[in-house]
Amino acid sequence: MRKLSGTVSCFVLAALCLATGVAHAQDYHGTEQFAALALKCVHNEYPNKVGLVYNSDAEVVPPRLRTPAFYGCFDWHSSVHGHWLLVRLLRLHPDAPYAGEVRAALDRSLSSENIQGEVLSLSTPNQASYERPYGLSWALALGEELGKLTDPQGKKWAENFAPLAKLTADRLKSWLPKLYYPIRNGEHTQTAFGLSLAIDYARAAGDADFENLIVTRARFYYGKDVNCPLAYEPSGEDFLSPCLSEAALMARVMPQKEFARWLVRFLPQIPRNGGTTWLKIGVVTDRSDPRLAHLDGLNLSRAWMLDKIARALPKTDLRRAALLNTARAHADATLPFVTGEHYEGGHWLGTFAIYYLTERGSD
């Protein structure tokens, strides 16, 4: 778990908080609320936003029959990364009080039959662009996390999930060579964030061809970019930063020295005095609005991306302090609101909180 120190304020979630000081890996305190958010939604079928293309009346069935593993949490990608949250917390905190409930939920979802149903559904005609790249990449992240489980039940889930991981990886492998221009928005179709998840999966899976494809395309899309317009961020419904997502991807792709030089040209705005005012925290005006609530996600994804960028730089780099301080400011401003008060944010923001708090991408 992330070190919480300095002037970080505790935030109360279900009468618990992540205490100031070092939060050890075996210390589950503060994670219960996030586990509860995912457990509440992964088998909650309605409301449901269906993104699949329907080809005939025969395909018009309830979500639990069309996507039998990932029908909860409002939409497919949120269900997928809600399961990722549960697997990650189970791996990091196998003895937490919620572990039994998490195991039961995962066992219910990740049966061989359910995953085969997912593969069948995604293989029906006209699904080529379904959940591309966001949901597909989160499926790979889930596959990566499942692959790190060492107990027999976890290994069985990973075995069951493998056909879906292969399908989603194959979709991205066939798409990337045809994608001539990157997608630079702040939502689901953005290229950079999806590739960050995908390259982590490729490396964990030992898929060198997939890794090399991502590295090649990332360099093609972004290697010559300069002066990213941070002043134009955020757009009103962003949950990803176009500029920071790109930098976090290139931190994975480039050697340290090359990345440090590239970042000078790409984000010259980063100060060397440790300041945080160079990147304003996103303002959320209505957390009951599902699109406006995206800005909470933006603040949290910025936090983990800033952290990733900082840690990719040499320890002597004077930009590190500003990046880390700004990451903490974004997280502190947003974590108190990840409560599930509004289902519009509660069905997905727990994942973003756990991504940051458990330092995904550094393990």
Protein backbone atom coordinates (compact mmCIF):
# COMPACT_ATOMS: atom_id res chain seq x y z
CA MET A 1 0.00 0.00 0.00
CA ARG A 2 0.99 3.60 -0.59
CA LYS A 3 2.87 5.53 2.06
CA LEU A 4 0.68 8.25 3.52
CA SER A 5 2.74 10.88 5.24
CA GLY A 6 3.30 14.57 5.78
CA THR A 7 0.17 16.68 5.76
CA VAL A 8 -2.11 14.06 4.22
CA SER A 9 -5.50 14.08 5.92
CA CYS A 10 -7.27 10.83 6.83
CA PHE A 11 -10.64 10.35 5.21
CA VAL A 12 -13.30 8.37 6.99
CA LEU A 13 -14.79 5.53 4.96
CA ALA A 14 -17.08 3.11 6.78
CA ALA A 15 -15.59 4.33 10.08
CA LEU A 16 -12.09 3.48 8.87
CA CYS A 17 -9.31 5.42 7.20
CA LEU A 18 -5.88 4.88 5.82
CA ALA A 19 -3.84 6.23 8.72
CA THR A 20 -0.98 8.65 8.34
CA GLY A 21 2.27 6.74 8.24
CA VAL A 22 3.33 3.60 6.41
CA ALA A 23 0.48 1.38 5.30
CA HIS A 24 1.93 -2.13 5.08
CA ALA A 25 0.82 -4.68 2.50
CA GLN A 26 -0.81 -6.86 5.15
CA ASP A 27 -2.76 -3.92 6.58
CA TYR A 28 -6.16 -4.04 4.92
CA HIS A 29 -7.62 -1.15 6.96
CA GLY A 30 -9.12 1.49 4.71
CA THR A 31 -9.72 -0.93 1.84
CA GLU A 32 -13.04 -2.30 3.14
CA GLN A 33 -15.10 0.50 1.67
CA PHE A 34 -13.61 0.01 -1.78
CA ALA A 35 -14.16 -3.73 -1.65
CA ALA A 36 -17.75 -3.04 -0.57
CA LEU A 37 -18.34 -0.78 -3.57
CA ALA A 38 -17.31 -3.51 -6.00
CA LEU A 39 -19.14 -6.25 -4.12
CA LYS A 40 -22.28 -4.14 -4.23
CA CYS A 41 -22.25 -3.79 -8.00
CA VAL A 42 -20.62 -6.81 -9.66
CA HIS A 43 -23.88 -8.77 -9.55
CA ASN A 44 -26.22 -5.79 -9.63
CA GLU A 45 -27.79 -6.17 -13.06
CA TYR A 46 -29.78 -2.94 -13.30
CA PRO A 47 -29.50 -0.15 -14.26
CA ASN A 48 -27.55 -1.44 -17.24
CA LYS A 49 -26.00 0.31 -20.21
CA VAL A 50 -25.59 -2.26 -22.98
CA GLY A 51 -22.85 -1.51 -25.52
CA LEU A 52 -23.02 -4.64 -27.66
CA VAL A 53 -24.41 -4.58 -31.18
CA TYR A 54 -27.55 -6.71 -31.52
CA ASN A 55 -27.79 -8.71 -34.73
CA SER A 56 -31.18 -10.37 -34.26
CA ASP A 57 -34.10 -10.80 -31.90
CA ALA A 58 -32.44 -13.93 -30.56
CA GLU A 59 -29.68 -11.81 -29.01
CA VAL A 60 -32.11 -9.60 -27.10
CA VAL A 61 -31.88 -11.20 -23.67
CA PRO A 62 -31.23 -9.86 -20.15
CA PRO A 63 -27.65 -8.70 -19.53
CA ARG A 64 -26.94 -11.66 -17.22
CA LEU A 65 -27.53 -13.99 -20.16
CA ARG A 66 -25.71 -11.94 -22.79
CA THR A 67 -22.57 -11.23 -20.72
CA PRO A 68 -22.84 -13.76 -17.88
CA ALA A 69 -19.64 -12.84 -16.03
CA PHE A 70 -19.67 -9.05 -16.40
CA TYR A 71 -23.28 -7.90 -16.43
CA GLY A 72 -23.15 -5.80 -13.23
CA CYS A 73 -21.82 -2.35 -12.34
CA PHE A 74 -23.90 -0.52 -14.97
CA ASP A 75 -21.67 -1.36 -17.96
CA TRP A 76 -19.27 -4.06 -19.11
CA HIS A 77 -15.98 -2.26 -18.54
CA SER A 78 -16.96 -1.15 -15.03
CA SER A 79 -17.87 -4.71 -14.17
CA VAL A 80 -14.55 -5.95 -15.52
CA HIS A 81 -12.49 -3.51 -13.51
CA GLY A 82 -14.71 -4.02 -10.47
CA HIS A 83 -13.62 -7.65 -10.61
CA TRP A 84 -10.03 -6.46 -11.05
CA LEU A 85 -10.39 -4.48 -7.80
CA LEU A 86 -11.62 -7.57 -5.96
CA VAL A 87 -8.85 -9.79 -7.30
CA ARG A 88 -6.20 -7.21 -6.45
CA LEU A 89 -7.42 -6.69 -2.90
CA LEU A 90 -7.72 -10.43 -2.39
CA ARG A 91 -4.13 -10.91 -3.53
CA LEU A 92 -2.78 -8.06 -1.40
CA HIS A 93 -4.97 -8.78 1.65
CA PRO A 94 -5.86 -12.49 1.61
CA ASP A 95 -6.75 -12.46 5.31
CA ALA A 96 -8.97 -9.37 5.29
CA PRO A 97 -12.45 -9.81 6.82
CA TYR A 98 -14.01 -9.31 3.39
CA ALA A 99 -11.85 -11.99 1.71
CA GLY A 100 -14.47 -14.73 2.01
CA GLU A 101 -17.16 -12.59 0.42
CA VAL A 102 -14.76 -11.58 -2.33
CA ARG A 103 -13.88 -15.20 -3.05
CA ALA A 104 -17.55 -16.13 -3.27
CA ALA A 105 -18.27 -13.26 -5.68
CA LEU A 106 -15.31 -14.12 -7.88
CA ASP A 107 -16.18 -17.80 -7.89
CA ARG A 108 -19.70 -16.92 -8.98
CA SER A 109 -18.49 -14.73 -11.84
CA LEU A 110 -15.37 -16.45 -13.13
CA SER A 111 -16.69 -19.90 -13.86
CA SER A 112 -15.60 -21.58 -17.07
CA GLU A 113 -19.20 -21.48 -18.31
CA ASN A 114 -19.55 -17.74 -17.71
CA ILE A 115 -16.26 -16.87 -19.38
CA GLN A 116 -17.13 -19.03 -22.38
CA GLY A 117 -20.38 -17.07 -22.54
CA GLU A 118 -18.41 -13.82 -22.60
CA VAL A 119 -16.21 -15.12 -25.41
CA LEU A 120 -19.27 -16.18 -27.40
CA SER A 121 -20.96 -12.81 -26.90
CA LEU A 122 -17.90 -10.81 -27.95
CA SER A 123 -17.44 -13.11 -30.95
CA THR A 124 -20.85 -12.42 -32.47
CA PRO A 125 -20.84 -10.28 -35.65
CA ASN A 126 -20.26 -6.53 -35.54
CA GLN A 127 -18.43 -6.41 -32.19
CA ALA A 128 -15.01 -5.46 -33.61
CA SER A 129 -14.96 -2.06 -31.90
CA TYR A 130 -16.76 -3.11 -28.72
CA GLU A 131 -15.05 -1.72 -25.61
CA ARG A 132 -11.97 -0.79 -27.62
CA PRO A 133 -9.55 -0.10 -26.11
CA TYR A 134 -10.74 0.74 -22.57
CA GLY A 135 -12.76 -2.31 -21.65
CA LEU A 136 -10.53 -4.69 -23.59
CA SER A 137 -7.47 -3.33 -21.81
CA TRP A 138 -9.12 -3.64 -18.40
CA ALA A 139 -9.88 -7.26 -19.27
CA LEU A 140 -6.16 -7.72 -19.82
CA ALA A 141 -5.43 -6.03 -16.49
CA LEU A 142 -7.84 -8.47 -14.85
CA GLY A 143 -6.08 -11.35 -16.57
CA GLU A 144 -2.72 -10.04 -15.37
CA GLU A 145 -3.95 -9.78 -11.78
CA LEU A 146 -5.51 -13.25 -11.87
CA GLY A 147 -2.20 -14.61 -13.10
CA LYS A 148 -0.53 -13.43 -9.89
CA LEU A 149 -2.77 -15.50 -7.61
CA THR A 150 -0.99 -18.56 -6.26
CA ASP A 151 -3.74 -20.51 -4.47
CA PRO A 152 -5.59 -23.33 -6.28
CA GLN A 153 -8.87 -21.43 -6.51
CA GLY A 154 -7.11 -18.37 -7.97
CA LYS A 155 -5.25 -20.51 -10.48
CA LYS A 156 -8.56 -22.03 -11.57
CA TRP A 157 -10.06 -18.59 -12.12
CA ALA A 158 -7.03 -17.60 -14.20
CA GLU A 159 -7.36 -20.77 -16.25
CA ASN A 160 -11.05 -20.09 -16.83
CA PHE A 161 -10.35 -16.48 -17.80
CA ALA A 162 -7.54 -17.28 -20.27
CA PRO A 163 -9.79 -17.58 -23.39
CA LEU A 164 -11.21 -14.11 -22.79
CA ALA A 165 -7.75 -12.65 -22.21
CA LYS A 166 -6.61 -14.17 -25.50
CA LEU A 167 -9.62 -12.79 -27.35
CA THR A 168 -9.15 -9.27 -26.00
CA ALA A 169 -5.41 -9.32 -26.68
CA ASP A 170 -6.03 -10.56 -30.22
CA ARG A 171 -8.53 -7.72 -30.78
CA LEU A 172 -5.91 -5.14 -29.83
CA LYS A 173 -3.19 -6.90 -31.83
CA SER A 174 -5.30 -6.74 -34.98
CA TRP A 175 -6.41 -3.14 -34.37
CA LEU A 176 -3.14 -1.39 -33.55
CA PRO A 177 -1.40 -1.88 -36.91
CA LYS A 178 -4.45 -0.34 -38.60
CA LEU A 179 -4.79 2.61 -36.23
CA TYR A 180 -2.79 5.29 -38.01
CA TYR A 181 -3.60 8.16 -35.64
CA PRO A 182 -3.79 7.95 -31.84
CA ILE A 183 -7.05 8.85 -30.10
CA ARG A 184 -6.26 11.72 -27.77
CA ASN A 185 -9.48 12.33 -25.84
CA GLY A 186 -10.13 11.97 -22.11
CA GLU A 187 -12.60 9.10 -22.19
CA HIS A 188 -12.97 5.42 -23.09
CA THR A 189 -11.58 5.45 -26.62
CA GLN A 190 -8.29 7.09 -25.65
CA THR A 191 -5.34 5.11 -26.96
CA ALA A 192 -2.60 5.89 -24.43
CA PHE A 193 -4.30 4.61 -21.28
CA GLY A 194 -5.45 1.44 -22.96
CA LEU A 195 -1.94 0.73 -24.16
CA SER A 196 -0.55 1.30 -20.66
CA LEU A 197 -2.74 -1.49 -19.31
CA ALA A 198 -2.03 -3.68 -22.31
CA ILE A 199 1.76 -3.39 -22.14
CA ASP A 200 1.75 -4.27 -18.45
CA TYR A 201 -0.26 -7.39 -19.32
CA ALA A 202 2.02 -8.30 -22.23
CA ARG A 203 5.09 -8.10 -20.01
CA ALA A 204 3.50 -10.09 -17.20
CA ALA A 205 2.35 -12.73 -19.69
CA GLY A 206 5.72 -12.89 -21.42
CA ASP A 207 4.11 -12.01 -24.76
CA ALA A 208 7.12 -10.36 -26.41
CA ASP A 209 5.41 -9.89 -29.77
CA PHE A 210 2.52 -8.01 -28.17
CA GLU A 211 4.91 -5.91 -26.09
CA ASN A 212 6.98 -5.03 -29.13
CA LEU A 213 3.87 -4.08 -31.08
CA ILE A 214 2.76 -1.70 -28.33
CA VAL A 215 6.23 -0.17 -28.00
CA THR A 216 6.45 0.35 -31.75
CA ARG A 217 3.00 1.91 -32.04
CA ALA A 218 3.49 4.10 -28.97
CA ARG A 219 6.71 5.50 -30.41
CA PHE A 220 4.99 6.03 -33.75
CA TYR A 221 2.03 7.83 -32.18
CA TYR A 222 3.82 9.88 -29.53
CA GLY A 223 7.59 9.83 -29.92
CA LYS A 224 7.80 13.23 -31.59
CA ASP A 225 5.13 15.01 -29.55
CA VAL A 226 6.02 18.33 -27.93
CA ASN A 227 4.31 20.98 -25.79
CA CYS A 228 1.20 19.08 -24.75
CA PRO A 229 -1.52 21.70 -24.07
CA LEU A 230 -2.24 21.08 -20.39
CA ALA A 231 -4.02 24.43 -20.28
CA TYR A 232 -6.80 22.90 -22.39
CA GLU A 233 -7.47 20.20 -19.79
CA PRO A 234 -9.82 19.03 -18.56
CA SER A 235 -12.77 18.79 -20.88
CA GLY A 236 -16.05 18.73 -19.05
CA GLU A 237 -16.52 14.96 -18.93
CA ASP A 238 -12.93 13.68 -18.85
CA PHE A 239 -11.85 10.89 -16.54
CA LEU A 240 -8.42 10.54 -18.16
CA SER A 241 -5.86 13.22 -18.92
CA PRO A 242 -4.76 13.12 -22.56
CA CYS A 243 -1.36 14.63 -21.71
CA LEU A 244 -0.59 12.63 -18.58
CA SER A 245 -1.88 9.36 -20.05
CA GLU A 246 0.55 9.76 -22.91
CA ALA A 247 3.45 10.54 -20.60
CA ALA A 248 2.61 7.58 -18.34
CA LEU A 249 2.64 5.30 -21.39
CA MET A 250 5.96 6.63 -22.62
CA ALA A 251 7.38 6.11 -19.12
CA ARG A 252 6.70 2.41 -19.73
CA VAL A 253 8.10 2.43 -23.26
CA MET A 254 11.30 4.49 -23.10
CA PRO A 255 14.51 3.92 -21.16
CA GLN A 256 14.89 6.31 -18.24
CA LYS A 257 17.32 8.79 -19.79
CA GLU A 258 15.43 8.95 -23.07
CA PHE A 259 12.14 9.44 -21.22
CA ALA A 260 13.56 12.25 -19.10
CA ARG A 261 14.66 14.11 -22.25
CA TRP A 262 11.36 13.45 -24.03
CA LEU A 263 9.41 14.77 -21.05
CA VAL A 264 11.28 18.09 -21.15
CA ARG A 265 9.92 18.68 -24.62
CA PHE A 266 6.49 17.18 -24.03
CA LEU A 267 5.58 18.78 -20.67
CA PRO A 268 7.81 21.82 -20.19
CA GLN A 269 5.23 23.10 -17.68
CA ILE A 270 6.42 20.81 -14.90
CA PRO A 271 8.14 23.01 -12.31
CA ARG A 272 11.37 22.24 -10.52
CA ASN A 273 10.42 23.83 -7.22
CA GLY A 274 8.01 21.15 -5.98
CA GLY A 275 4.93 23.30 -6.65
CA THR A 276 1.45 22.04 -7.44
CA THR A 277 -0.30 25.07 -8.95
CA TRP A 278 0.78 24.13 -12.49
CA LEU A 279 -2.03 21.54 -12.69
CA LYS A 280 -5.39 22.56 -11.29
CA ILE A 281 -7.56 19.92 -9.62
CA GLY A 282 -10.70 19.09 -11.59
CA VAL A 283 -13.90 20.59 -10.15
CA VAL A 284 -16.95 18.33 -9.75
CA THR A 285 -20.20 20.27 -9.56
CA ASP A 286 -22.69 17.39 -9.34
CA ARG A 287 -21.69 13.88 -8.26
CA SER A 288 -25.16 12.57 -9.04
CA ASP A 289 -24.60 13.31 -12.74
CA PRO A 290 -22.90 10.29 -14.33
CA ARG A 291 -20.91 12.36 -16.81
CA LEU A 292 -19.93 15.23 -14.53
CA ALA A 293 -18.80 12.68 -11.94
CA HIS A 294 -16.09 11.68 -14.41
CA LEU A 295 -13.98 14.52 -13.02
CA ASP A 296 -13.47 12.60 -9.77
CA GLY A 297 -12.01 9.84 -11.88
CA LEU A 298 -9.82 12.34 -13.67
CA ASN A 299 -8.31 13.51 -10.39
CA LEU A 300 -7.55 9.96 -9.29
CA SER A 301 -6.15 8.84 -12.65
CA ARG A 302 -4.03 11.97 -12.76
CA ALA A 303 -2.71 11.04 -9.33
CA TRP A 304 -1.49 7.60 -10.37
CA MET A 305 -0.15 8.88 -13.71
CA LEU A 306 1.80 11.70 -12.07
CA ASP A 307 3.20 9.15 -9.66
CA LYS A 308 4.20 6.83 -12.50
CA ILE A 309 5.87 9.65 -14.42
CA ALA A 310 7.82 10.78 -11.35
CA ARG A 311 9.08 7.30 -10.54
CA ALA A 312 10.27 6.82 -14.11
CA LEU A 313 12.64 9.78 -13.77
CA PRO A 314 16.11 9.68 -12.18
CA LYS A 315 15.98 10.28 -8.43
CA THR A 316 18.01 13.45 -8.92
CA ASP A 317 15.52 14.93 -11.38
CA LEU A 318 14.17 18.18 -9.91
CA ARG A 319 10.74 17.60 -11.45
CA ARG A 320 9.99 14.59 -9.26
CA ALA A 321 8.87 16.60 -6.24
CA ALA A 322 6.31 18.61 -8.18
CA LEU A 323 4.94 15.47 -9.81
CA LEU A 324 4.61 13.58 -6.52
CA ASN A 325 3.21 16.57 -4.62
CA THR A 326 0.65 17.21 -7.34
CA ALA A 327 -0.34 13.55 -7.36
CA ARG A 328 -0.96 13.65 -3.63
CA ALA A 329 -2.96 16.88 -3.90
CA HIS A 330 -5.26 15.36 -6.53
CA ALA A 331 -5.79 12.20 -4.49
CA ASP A 332 -6.43 14.07 -1.23
CA ALA A 333 -9.00 16.27 -2.95
CA THR A 334 -10.97 13.31 -4.28
CA LEU A 335 -10.64 10.21 -2.08
CA PRO A 336 -13.11 11.50 0.55
CA PHE A 337 -15.84 11.46 -2.10
CA VAL A 338 -15.39 7.83 -3.15
CA THR A 339 -18.20 6.71 -0.88
CA GLY A 340 -20.89 5.19 -3.08
CA GLU A 341 -23.41 7.85 -2.05
CA HIS A 342 -24.26 8.12 -5.72
CA TYR A 343 -24.26 4.96 -7.84
CA GLU A 344 -23.19 7.12 -10.79
CA GLY A 345 -19.68 7.20 -9.30
CA GLY A 346 -19.89 4.36 -6.82
CA HIS A 347 -20.00 1.66 -9.49
CA TRP A 348 -16.52 2.54 -10.80
CA LEU A 349 -14.54 5.05 -8.73
CA GLY A 350 -13.43 2.45 -6.19
CA THR A 351 -11.24 0.93 -8.90
CA PHE A 352 -9.55 4.25 -9.54
CA ALA A 353 -8.93 4.74 -5.82
CA ILE A 354 -7.40 1.27 -5.43
CA TYR A 355 -5.26 1.75 -8.54
CA TYR A 356 -3.67 4.76 -6.86
CA LEU A 357 -3.56 3.53 -3.26
CA THR A 358 -2.05 0.15 -4.06
CA GLU A 359 0.45 1.64 -6.52
CA ARG A 360 -0.56 -0.51 -9.46
CA GLY A 361 2.11 -0.36 -12.17
CA SER A 362 4.96 -0.44 -9.69
CA ASP A 363 4.53 -4.05 -8.56
